[in-house]
Amino acid sequence: FTYNVDEKTGERTDFREQAVDHKAALAKIKASMKD
């Protein structure tokens, strides 16, 4: 999720410059989990 467009006004709001690095995120979660 990087942006949202208001369906009534059409106005765009940017929330992130780019998507989260899901590979790095999942690697962090995996390392934090018990076997």
PDB file of all heavy atoms in Angstrom:
ATOM      1  N   PHE A   1       0.849  -1.192   0.000  1.00  0.00           N
ATOM      2  CA  PHE A   1       0.000   0.000   0.000  1.00  0.00           C
ATOM      3  C   PHE A   1       0.884   1.241   0.000  1.00  0.00           C
ATOM      4  O   PHE A   1       1.641   1.475   0.937  1.00  0.00           O
ATOM      5  CB  PHE A   1      -0.900  -0.011   1.240  1.00  0.00           C
ATOM      6  CG  PHE A   1      -1.669   1.250   1.479  1.00  0.00           C
ATOM      7  CD1 PHE A   1      -2.572   1.718   0.552  1.00  0.00           C
ATOM      8  CD2 PHE A   1      -1.493   1.965   2.655  1.00  0.00           C
ATOM      9  CE1 PHE A   1      -3.297   2.886   0.763  1.00  0.00           C
ATOM     10  CE2 PHE A   1      -2.204   3.130   2.894  1.00  0.00           C
ATOM     11  CZ  PHE A   1      -3.116   3.590   1.944  1.00  0.00           C
ATOM     12  N   THR A   2       0.796   2.029  -1.056  1.00  0.00           N
ATOM     13  CA  THR A   2       1.635   3.226  -1.167  1.00  0.00           C
ATOM     14  C   THR A   2       0.828   4.514  -1.324  1.00  0.00           C
ATOM     15  O   THR A   2       1.311   5.592  -1.017  1.00  0.00           O
ATOM     16  CB  THR A   2       2.602   3.115  -2.355  1.00  0.00           C
ATOM     17  OG1 THR A   2       1.849   2.924  -3.567  1.00  0.00           O
ATOM     18  CG2 THR A   2       3.566   1.951  -2.169  1.00  0.00           C
ATOM     19  N   TYR A   3      -0.414   4.401  -1.825  1.00  0.00           N
ATOM     20  CA  TYR A   3      -1.212   5.612  -2.033  1.00  0.00           C
ATOM     21  C   TYR A   3      -2.701   5.280  -1.916  1.00  0.00           C
ATOM     22  O   TYR A   3      -3.110   4.120  -1.967  1.00  0.00           O
ATOM     23  CB  TYR A   3      -0.936   6.221  -3.405  1.00  0.00           C
ATOM     24  CG  TYR A   3      -1.430   5.381  -4.563  1.00  0.00           C
ATOM     25  CD1 TYR A   3      -2.728   5.528  -5.068  1.00  0.00           C
ATOM     26  CD2 TYR A   3      -0.614   4.429  -5.157  1.00  0.00           C
ATOM     27  CE1 TYR A   3      -3.183   4.750  -6.119  1.00  0.00           C
ATOM     28  CE2 TYR A   3      -1.067   3.649  -6.209  1.00  0.00           C
ATOM     29  CZ  TYR A   3      -2.353   3.816  -6.687  1.00  0.00           C
ATOM     30  OH  TYR A   3      -2.807   3.029  -7.717  1.00  0.00           O
ATOM     31  N   ASN A   4      -3.491   6.327  -1.760  1.00  0.00           N
ATOM     32  CA  ASN A   4      -4.940   6.165  -1.723  1.00  0.00           C
ATOM     33  C   ASN A   4      -5.581   7.262  -2.558  1.00  0.00           C
ATOM     34  O   ASN A   4      -5.112   8.404  -2.576  1.00  0.00           O
ATOM     35  CB  ASN A   4      -5.454   6.244  -0.283  1.00  0.00           C
ATOM     36  CG  ASN A   4      -6.939   5.947  -0.187  1.00  0.00           C
ATOM     37  OD1 ASN A   4      -7.369   4.830  -0.476  1.00  0.00           O
ATOM     38  ND2 ASN A   4      -7.726   6.929   0.198  1.00  0.00           N
ATOM     39  N   VAL A   5      -6.633   6.905  -3.248  1.00  0.00           N
ATOM     40  CA  VAL A   5      -7.374   7.877  -4.043  1.00  0.00           C
ATOM     41  C   VAL A   5      -8.786   8.000  -3.478  1.00  0.00           C
ATOM     42  O   VAL A   5      -9.507   7.001  -3.365  1.00  0.00           O
ATOM     43  CB  VAL A   5      -7.445   7.462  -5.529  1.00  0.00           C
ATOM     44  CG1 VAL A   5      -8.311   8.452  -6.307  1.00  0.00           C
ATOM     45  CG2 VAL A   5      -6.052   7.390  -6.136  1.00  0.00           C
ATOM     46  N   ASP A   6      -9.168   9.204  -3.111  1.00  0.00           N
ATOM     47  CA  ASP A   6     -10.510   9.456  -2.598  1.00  0.00           C
ATOM     48  C   ASP A   6     -11.513   9.237  -3.721  1.00  0.00           C
ATOM     49  O   ASP A   6     -11.455   9.913  -4.758  1.00  0.00           O
ATOM     50  CB  ASP A   6     -10.607  10.884  -2.056  1.00  0.00           C
ATOM     51  CG  ASP A   6     -11.910  11.146  -1.322  1.00  0.00           C
ATOM     52  OD1 ASP A   6     -12.982  11.018  -1.959  1.00  0.00           O
ATOM     53  OD2 ASP A   6     -11.863  11.491  -0.134  1.00  0.00           O
ATOM     54  N   GLU A   7     -12.427   8.298  -3.532  1.00  0.00           N
ATOM     55  CA  GLU A   7     -13.363   7.951  -4.598  1.00  0.00           C
ATOM     56  C   GLU A   7     -14.339   9.077  -4.911  1.00  0.00           C
ATOM     57  O   GLU A   7     -14.883   9.142  -6.014  1.00  0.00           O
ATOM     58  CB  GLU A   7     -14.122   6.676  -4.232  1.00  0.00           C
ATOM     59  CG  GLU A   7     -13.223   5.453  -4.161  1.00  0.00           C
ATOM     60  CD  GLU A   7     -14.018   4.166  -4.028  1.00  0.00           C
ATOM     61  OE1 GLU A   7     -15.262   4.238  -3.936  1.00  0.00           O
ATOM     62  OE2 GLU A   7     -13.391   3.096  -4.021  1.00  0.00           O
ATOM     63  N   LYS A   8     -14.564   9.957  -3.957  1.00  0.00           N
ATOM     64  CA  LYS A   8     -15.499  11.067  -4.188  1.00  0.00           C
ATOM     65  C   LYS A   8     -14.833  12.255  -4.873  1.00  0.00           C
ATOM     66  O   LYS A   8     -15.397  12.852  -5.791  1.00  0.00           O
ATOM     67  CB  LYS A   8     -16.109  11.508  -2.856  1.00  0.00           C
ATOM     68  CG  LYS A   8     -17.013  10.462  -2.223  1.00  0.00           C
ATOM     69  CD  LYS A   8     -17.636  10.985  -0.936  1.00  0.00           C
ATOM     70  CE  LYS A   8     -18.563   9.930  -0.332  1.00  0.00           C
ATOM     71  NZ  LYS A   8     -19.176  10.420   0.950  1.00  0.00           N
ATOM     72  N   THR A   9     -13.626  12.587  -4.416  1.00  0.00           N
ATOM     73  CA  THR A   9     -12.950  13.773  -4.951  1.00  0.00           C
ATOM     74  C   THR A   9     -11.890  13.446  -5.997  1.00  0.00           C
ATOM     75  O   THR A   9     -11.485  14.315  -6.770  1.00  0.00           O
ATOM     76  CB  THR A   9     -12.278  14.562  -3.817  1.00  0.00           C
ATOM     77  OG1 THR A   9     -11.212  13.765  -3.259  1.00  0.00           O
ATOM     78  CG2 THR A   9     -13.273  14.884  -2.716  1.00  0.00           C
ATOM     79  N   GLY A  10     -11.435  12.192  -5.998  1.00  0.00           N
ATOM     80  CA  GLY A  10     -10.369  11.818  -6.920  1.00  0.00           C
ATOM     81  C   GLY A  10      -8.992  12.256  -6.444  1.00  0.00           C
ATOM     82  O   GLY A  10      -7.987  12.041  -7.123  1.00  0.00           O
ATOM     83  N   GLU A  11      -8.943  12.838  -5.239  1.00  0.00           N
ATOM     84  CA  GLU A  11      -7.670  13.330  -4.716  1.00  0.00           C
ATOM     85  C   GLU A  11      -6.788  12.160  -4.274  1.00  0.00           C
ATOM     86  O   GLU A  11      -7.232  11.251  -3.592  1.00  0.00           O
ATOM     87  CB  GLU A  11      -7.922  14.260  -3.535  1.00  0.00           C
ATOM     88  CG  GLU A  11      -6.648  14.853  -2.939  1.00  0.00           C
ATOM     89  CD  GLU A  11      -6.938  15.786  -1.774  1.00  0.00           C
ATOM     90  OE1 GLU A  11      -8.119  16.025  -1.488  1.00  0.00           O
ATOM     91  OE2 GLU A  11      -5.965  16.254  -1.164  1.00  0.00           O
ATOM     92  N   ARG A  12      -5.532  12.218  -4.673  1.00  0.00           N
ATOM     93  CA  ARG A  12      -4.585  11.155  -4.334  1.00  0.00           C
ATOM     94  C   ARG A  12      -3.724  11.580  -3.147  1.00  0.00           C
ATOM     95  O   ARG A  12      -3.222  12.706  -3.096  1.00  0.00           O
ATOM     96  CB  ARG A  12      -3.701  10.826  -5.533  1.00  0.00           C
ATOM     97  CG  ARG A  12      -2.548   9.881  -5.202  1.00  0.00           C
ATOM     98  CD  ARG A  12      -1.848   9.400  -6.436  1.00  0.00           C
ATOM     99  NE  ARG A  12      -0.563   8.748  -6.113  1.00  0.00           N
ATOM    100  CZ  ARG A  12      -0.009   7.793  -6.835  1.00  0.00           C
ATOM    101  NH1 ARG A  12      -0.598   7.383  -7.947  1.00  0.00           N
ATOM    102  NH2 ARG A  12       1.148   7.266  -6.474  1.00  0.00           N
ATOM    103  N   THR A  13      -3.545  10.651  -2.204  1.00  0.00           N
ATOM    104  CA  THR A  13      -2.669  10.862  -1.062  1.00  0.00           C
ATOM    105  C   THR A  13      -1.596   9.792  -1.080  1.00  0.00           C
ATOM    106  O   THR A  13      -1.912   8.597  -1.091  1.00  0.00           O
ATOM    107  CB  THR A  13      -3.446  10.783   0.265  1.00  0.00           C
ATOM    108  OG1 THR A  13      -4.503  11.743   0.267  1.00  0.00           O
ATOM    109  CG2 THR A  13      -2.515  11.042   1.441  1.00  0.00           C
ATOM    110  N   ASP A  14      -0.344  10.189  -1.110  1.00  0.00           N
ATOM    111  CA  ASP A  14       0.765   9.240  -1.101  1.00  0.00           C
ATOM    112  C   ASP A  14       1.181   8.952   0.342  1.00  0.00           C
ATOM    113  O   ASP A  14       1.343   9.868   1.153  1.00  0.00           O
ATOM    114  CB  ASP A  14       1.956   9.801  -1.877  1.00  0.00           C
ATOM    115  CG  ASP A  14       1.675   9.891  -3.366  1.00  0.00           C
ATOM    116  OD1 ASP A  14       1.144   8.914  -3.921  1.00  0.00           O
ATOM    117  OD2 ASP A  14       1.979  10.941  -3.977  1.00  0.00           O
ATOM    118  N   PHE A  15       1.373   7.664   0.638  1.00  0.00           N
ATOM    119  CA  PHE A  15       1.741   7.246   1.986  1.00  0.00           C
ATOM    120  C   PHE A  15       3.169   6.702   2.060  1.00  0.00           C
ATOM    121  O   PHE A  15       3.808   6.795   3.094  1.00  0.00           O
ATOM    122  CB  PHE A  15       0.766   6.175   2.488  1.00  0.00           C
ATOM    123  CG  PHE A  15      -0.598   6.715   2.801  1.00  0.00           C
ATOM    124  CD1 PHE A  15      -1.612   6.645   1.855  1.00  0.00           C
ATOM    125  CD2 PHE A  15      -0.874   7.308   4.017  1.00  0.00           C
ATOM    126  CE1 PHE A  15      -2.882   7.147   2.132  1.00  0.00           C
ATOM    127  CE2 PHE A  15      -2.124   7.817   4.313  1.00  0.00           C
ATOM    128  CZ  PHE A  15      -3.136   7.732   3.359  1.00  0.00           C
ATOM    129  N   ARG A  16       3.641   6.086   1.006  1.00  0.00           N
ATOM    130  CA  ARG A  16       5.010   5.589   0.941  1.00  0.00           C
ATOM    131  C   ARG A  16       5.602   5.950  -0.417  1.00  0.00           C
ATOM    132  O   ARG A  16       4.882   6.026  -1.403  1.00  0.00           O
ATOM    133  CB  ARG A  16       5.067   4.070   1.078  1.00  0.00           C
ATOM    134  CG  ARG A  16       4.394   3.438   2.258  1.00  0.00           C
ATOM    135  CD  ARG A  16       4.685   1.930   2.256  1.00  0.00           C
ATOM    136  NE  ARG A  16       3.762   1.165   3.072  1.00  0.00           N
ATOM    137  CZ  ARG A  16       3.905   0.958   4.374  1.00  0.00           C
ATOM    138  NH1 ARG A  16       4.936   1.464   5.002  1.00  0.00           N
ATOM    139  NH2 ARG A  16       3.021   0.234   5.052  1.00  0.00           N
ATOM    140  N   GLU A  17       6.905   6.119  -0.446  1.00  0.00           N
ATOM    141  CA  GLU A  17       7.578   6.339  -1.723  1.00  0.00           C
ATOM    142  C   GLU A  17       7.606   5.047  -2.537  1.00  0.00           C
ATOM    143  O   GLU A  17       7.573   5.082  -3.767  1.00  0.00           O
ATOM    144  CB  GLU A  17       9.004   6.847  -1.504  1.00  0.00           C
ATOM    145  CG  GLU A  17       9.068   8.256  -0.919  1.00  0.00           C
ATOM    146  CD  GLU A  17      10.496   8.759  -0.813  1.00  0.00           C
ATOM    147  OE1 GLU A  17      11.422   8.025  -1.236  1.00  0.00           O
ATOM    148  OE2 GLU A  17      10.679   9.878  -0.318  1.00  0.00           O
ATOM    149  N   GLN A  18       7.678   3.921  -1.842  1.00  0.00           N
ATOM    150  CA  GLN A  18       7.677   2.621  -2.504  1.00  0.00           C
ATOM    151  C   GLN A  18       7.153   1.570  -1.532  1.00  0.00           C
ATOM    152  O   GLN A  18       7.055   1.809  -0.331  1.00  0.00           O
ATOM    153  CB  GLN A  18       9.082   2.248  -2.966  1.00  0.00           C
ATOM    154  CG  GLN A  18      10.104   2.190  -1.843  1.00  0.00           C
ATOM    155  CD  GLN A  18      11.514   1.969  -2.373  1.00  0.00           C
ATOM    156  OE1 GLN A  18      11.761   2.039  -3.569  1.00  0.00           O
ATOM    157  NE2 GLN A  18      12.437   1.687  -1.476  1.00  0.00           N
ATOM    158  N   ALA A  19       6.807   0.421  -2.070  1.00  0.00           N
ATOM    159  CA  ALA A  19       6.285  -0.657  -1.240  1.00  0.00           C
ATOM    160  C   ALA A  19       7.335  -1.116  -0.235  1.00  0.00           C
ATOM    161  O   ALA A  19       8.544  -0.932  -0.434  1.00  0.00           O
ATOM    162  CB  ALA A  19       5.855  -1.827  -2.122  1.00  0.00           C
ATOM    163  N   VAL A  20       6.868  -1.726   0.839  1.00  0.00           N
ATOM    164  CA  VAL A  20       7.771  -2.310   1.834  1.00  0.00           C
ATOM    165  C   VAL A  20       8.560  -3.436   1.167  1.00  0.00           C
ATOM    166  O   VAL A  20       8.037  -4.167   0.315  1.00  0.00           O
ATOM    167  CB  VAL A  20       6.963  -2.859   3.028  1.00  0.00           C
ATOM    168  CG1 VAL A  20       7.864  -3.613   3.999  1.00  0.00           C
ATOM    169  CG2 VAL A  20       6.227  -1.725   3.747  1.00  0.00           C
ATOM    170  N   ASP A  21       9.810  -3.566   1.539  1.00  0.00           N
ATOM    171  CA  ASP A  21      10.632  -4.681   1.048  1.00  0.00           C
ATOM    172  C   ASP A  21      10.118  -5.956   1.724  1.00  0.00           C
ATOM    173  O   ASP A  21      10.535  -6.290   2.833  1.00  0.00           O
ATOM    174  CB  ASP A  21      12.100  -4.428   1.396  1.00  0.00           C
ATOM    175  CG  ASP A  21      13.033  -5.515   0.869  1.00  0.00           C
ATOM    176  OD1 ASP A  21      12.546  -6.592   0.472  1.00  0.00           O
ATOM    177  OD2 ASP A  21      14.262  -5.285   0.875  1.00  0.00           O
ATOM    178  N   HIS A  22       9.205  -6.646   1.052  1.00  0.00           N
ATOM    179  CA  HIS A  22       8.563  -7.794   1.688  1.00  0.00           C
ATOM    180  C   HIS A  22       9.542  -8.941   1.943  1.00  0.00           C
ATOM    181  O   HIS A  22       9.377  -9.694   2.901  1.00  0.00           O
ATOM    182  CB  HIS A  22       7.391  -8.295   0.842  1.00  0.00           C
ATOM    183  CG  HIS A  22       7.780  -8.934  -0.447  1.00  0.00           C
ATOM    184  ND1 HIS A  22       8.040  -8.203  -1.586  1.00  0.00           N
ATOM    185  CD2 HIS A  22       7.961 -10.235  -0.783  1.00  0.00           C
ATOM    186  CE1 HIS A  22       8.369  -9.027  -2.575  1.00  0.00           C
ATOM    187  NE2 HIS A  22       8.327 -10.267  -2.110  1.00  0.00           N
ATOM    188  N   LYS A  23      10.568  -9.051   1.120  1.00  0.00           N
ATOM    189  CA  LYS A  23      11.548 -10.121   1.326  1.00  0.00           C
ATOM    190  C   LYS A  23      12.303  -9.912   2.635  1.00  0.00           C
ATOM    191  O   LYS A  23      12.493 -10.845   3.420  1.00  0.00           O
ATOM    192  CB  LYS A  23      12.515 -10.202   0.155  1.00  0.00           C
ATOM    193  CG  LYS A  23      11.865 -10.655  -1.143  1.00  0.00           C
ATOM    194  CD  LYS A  23      12.891 -10.792  -2.255  1.00  0.00           C
ATOM    195  CE  LYS A  23      12.244 -11.267  -3.560  1.00  0.00           C
ATOM    196  NZ  LYS A  23      13.239 -11.416  -4.644  1.00  0.00           N
ATOM    197  N   ALA A  24      12.717  -8.675   2.874  1.00  0.00           N
ATOM    198  CA  ALA A  24      13.421  -8.363   4.120  1.00  0.00           C
ATOM    199  C   ALA A  24      12.487  -8.493   5.318  1.00  0.00           C
ATOM    200  O   ALA A  24      12.871  -8.987   6.384  1.00  0.00           O
ATOM    201  CB  ALA A  24      14.007  -6.952   4.053  1.00  0.00           C
ATOM    202  N   ALA A  25      11.227  -8.053   5.141  1.00  0.00           N
ATOM    203  CA  ALA A  25      10.252  -8.138   6.231  1.00  0.00           C
ATOM    204  C   ALA A  25       9.969  -9.588   6.609  1.00  0.00           C
ATOM    205  O   ALA A  25       9.968  -9.950   7.795  1.00  0.00           O
ATOM    206  CB  ALA A  25       8.954  -7.440   5.826  1.00  0.00           C
ATOM    207  N   LEU A  26       9.760 -10.435   5.607  1.00  0.00           N
ATOM    208  CA  LEU A  26       9.470 -11.840   5.886  1.00  0.00           C
ATOM    209  C   LEU A  26      10.678 -12.548   6.484  1.00  0.00           C
ATOM    210  O   LEU A  26      10.534 -13.432   7.340  1.00  0.00           O
ATOM    211  CB  LEU A  26       9.013 -12.541   4.609  1.00  0.00           C
ATOM    212  CG  LEU A  26       7.655 -12.091   4.061  1.00  0.00           C
ATOM    213  CD1 LEU A  26       7.348 -12.795   2.746  1.00  0.00           C
ATOM    214  CD2 LEU A  26       6.537 -12.354   5.075  1.00  0.00           C
ATOM    215  N   ALA A  27      11.863 -12.162   6.063  1.00  0.00           N
ATOM    216  CA  ALA A  27      13.075 -12.754   6.633  1.00  0.00           C
ATOM    217  C   ALA A  27      13.199 -12.404   8.112  1.00  0.00           C
ATOM    218  O   ALA A  27      13.602 -13.245   8.933  1.00  0.00           O
ATOM    219  CB  ALA A  27      14.307 -12.275   5.872  1.00  0.00           C
ATOM    220  N   LYS A  28      12.850 -11.165   8.467  1.00  0.00           N
ATOM    221  CA  LYS A  28      12.896 -10.740   9.867  1.00  0.00           C
ATOM    222  C   LYS A  28      11.892 -11.526  10.700  1.00  0.00           C
ATOM    223  O   LYS A  28      12.202 -11.999  11.814  1.00  0.00           O
ATOM    224  CB  LYS A  28      12.597  -9.240   9.966  1.00  0.00           C
ATOM    225  CG  LYS A  28      12.468  -8.706  11.392  1.00  0.00           C
ATOM    226  CD  LYS A  28      13.766  -8.802  12.161  1.00  0.00           C
ATOM    227  CE  LYS A  28      13.623  -8.160  13.528  1.00  0.00           C
ATOM    228  NZ  LYS A  28      14.887  -8.180  14.285  1.00  0.00           N
ATOM    229  N   ILE A  29      10.681 -11.678  10.180  1.00  0.00           N
ATOM    230  CA  ILE A  29       9.647 -12.424  10.900  1.00  0.00           C
ATOM    231  C   ILE A  29      10.069 -13.875  11.081  1.00  0.00           C
ATOM    232  O   ILE A  29       9.947 -14.445  12.170  1.00  0.00           O
ATOM    233  CB  ILE A  29       8.305 -12.334  10.148  1.00  0.00           C
ATOM    234  CG1 ILE A  29       7.825 -10.882  10.100  1.00  0.00           C
ATOM    235  CG2 ILE A  29       7.255 -13.235  10.816  1.00  0.00           C
ATOM    236  CD1 ILE A  29       6.718 -10.632   9.099  1.00  0.00           C
ATOM    237  N   LYS A  30      10.584 -14.464  10.033  1.00  0.00           N
ATOM    238  CA  LYS A  30      11.010 -15.868  10.091  1.00  0.00           C
ATOM    239  C   LYS A  30      12.089 -16.071  11.141  1.00  0.00           C
ATOM    240  O   LYS A  30      12.057 -17.030  11.918  1.00  0.00           O
ATOM    241  CB  LYS A  30      11.508 -16.318   8.715  1.00  0.00           C
ATOM    242  CG  LYS A  30      11.870 -17.795   8.647  1.00  0.00           C
ATOM    243  CD  LYS A  30      12.357 -18.171   7.248  1.00  0.00           C
ATOM    244  CE  LYS A  30      12.704 -19.656   7.178  1.00  0.00           C
ATOM    245  NZ  LYS A  30      13.257 -20.032   5.852  1.00  0.00           N
ATOM    246  N   ALA A  31      13.051 -15.154  11.177  1.00  0.00           N
ATOM    247  CA  ALA A  31      14.140 -15.268  12.149  1.00  0.00           C
ATOM    248  C   ALA A  31      13.630 -15.119  13.576  1.00  0.00           C
ATOM    249  O   ALA A  31      14.214 -15.680  14.517  1.00  0.00           O
ATOM    250  CB  ALA A  31      15.197 -14.209  11.866  1.00  0.00           C
ATOM    251  N   SER A  32      12.534 -14.397  13.758  1.00  0.00           N
ATOM    252  CA  SER A  32      11.987 -14.162  15.096  1.00  0.00           C
ATOM    253  C   SER A  32      11.112 -15.310  15.578  1.00  0.00           C
ATOM    254  O   SER A  32      10.789 -15.396  16.764  1.00  0.00           O
ATOM    255  CB  SER A  32      11.161 -12.871  15.098  1.00  0.00           C
ATOM    256  OG  SER A  32      11.951 -11.757  14.720  1.00  0.00           O
ATOM    257  N   MET A  33      10.719 -16.202  14.675  1.00  0.00           N
ATOM    258  CA  MET A  33       9.831 -17.306  15.027  1.00  0.00           C
ATOM    259  C   MET A  33      10.598 -18.511  15.542  1.00  0.00           C
ATOM    260  O   MET A  33      11.697 -18.799  15.085  1.00  0.00           O
ATOM    261  CB  MET A  33       9.008 -17.726  13.797  1.00  0.00           C
ATOM    262  CG  MET A  33       7.969 -16.718  13.360  1.00  0.00           C
ATOM    263  SD  MET A  33       7.227 -17.158  11.748  1.00  0.00           S
ATOM    264  CE  MET A  33       6.602 -18.822  12.076  1.00  0.00           C
ATOM    265  N   LYS A  34       9.988 -19.217  16.493  1.00  0.00           N
ATOM    266  CA  LYS A  34      10.530 -20.502  16.915  1.00  0.00           C
ATOM    267  C   LYS A  34      10.473 -21.485  15.747  1.00  0.00           C
ATOM    268  O   LYS A  34       9.701 -21.292  14.803  1.00  0.00           O
ATOM    269  CB  LYS A  34       9.736 -21.060  18.091  1.00  0.00           C
ATOM    270  CG  LYS A  34       9.845 -20.253  19.374  1.00  0.00           C
ATOM    271  CD  LYS A  34       8.996 -20.867  20.481  1.00  0.00           C
ATOM    272  CE  LYS A  34       9.121 -20.088  21.784  1.00  0.00           C
ATOM    273  NZ  LYS A  34       8.258 -20.662  22.850  1.00  0.00           N
ATOM    274  N   ASP A  35      11.253 -22.526  15.828  1.00  0.00           N
ATOM    275  CA  ASP A  35      11.261 -23.502  14.736  1.00  0.00           C
ATOM    276  C   ASP A  35       9.905 -24.163  14.542  1.00  0.00           C
ATOM    277  O   ASP A  35       9.568 -24.578  13.428  1.00  0.00           O
ATOM    278  CB  ASP A  35      12.337 -24.564  14.985  1.00  0.00           C
ATOM    279  CG  ASP A  35      13.748 -24.003  14.840  1.00  0.00           C
ATOM    280  OD1 ASP A  35      13.907 -22.966  14.152  1.00  0.00           O
ATOM    281  OD2 ASP A  35      14.683 -24.596  15.413  1.00  0.00           O
TER     282      ASP A  35
END
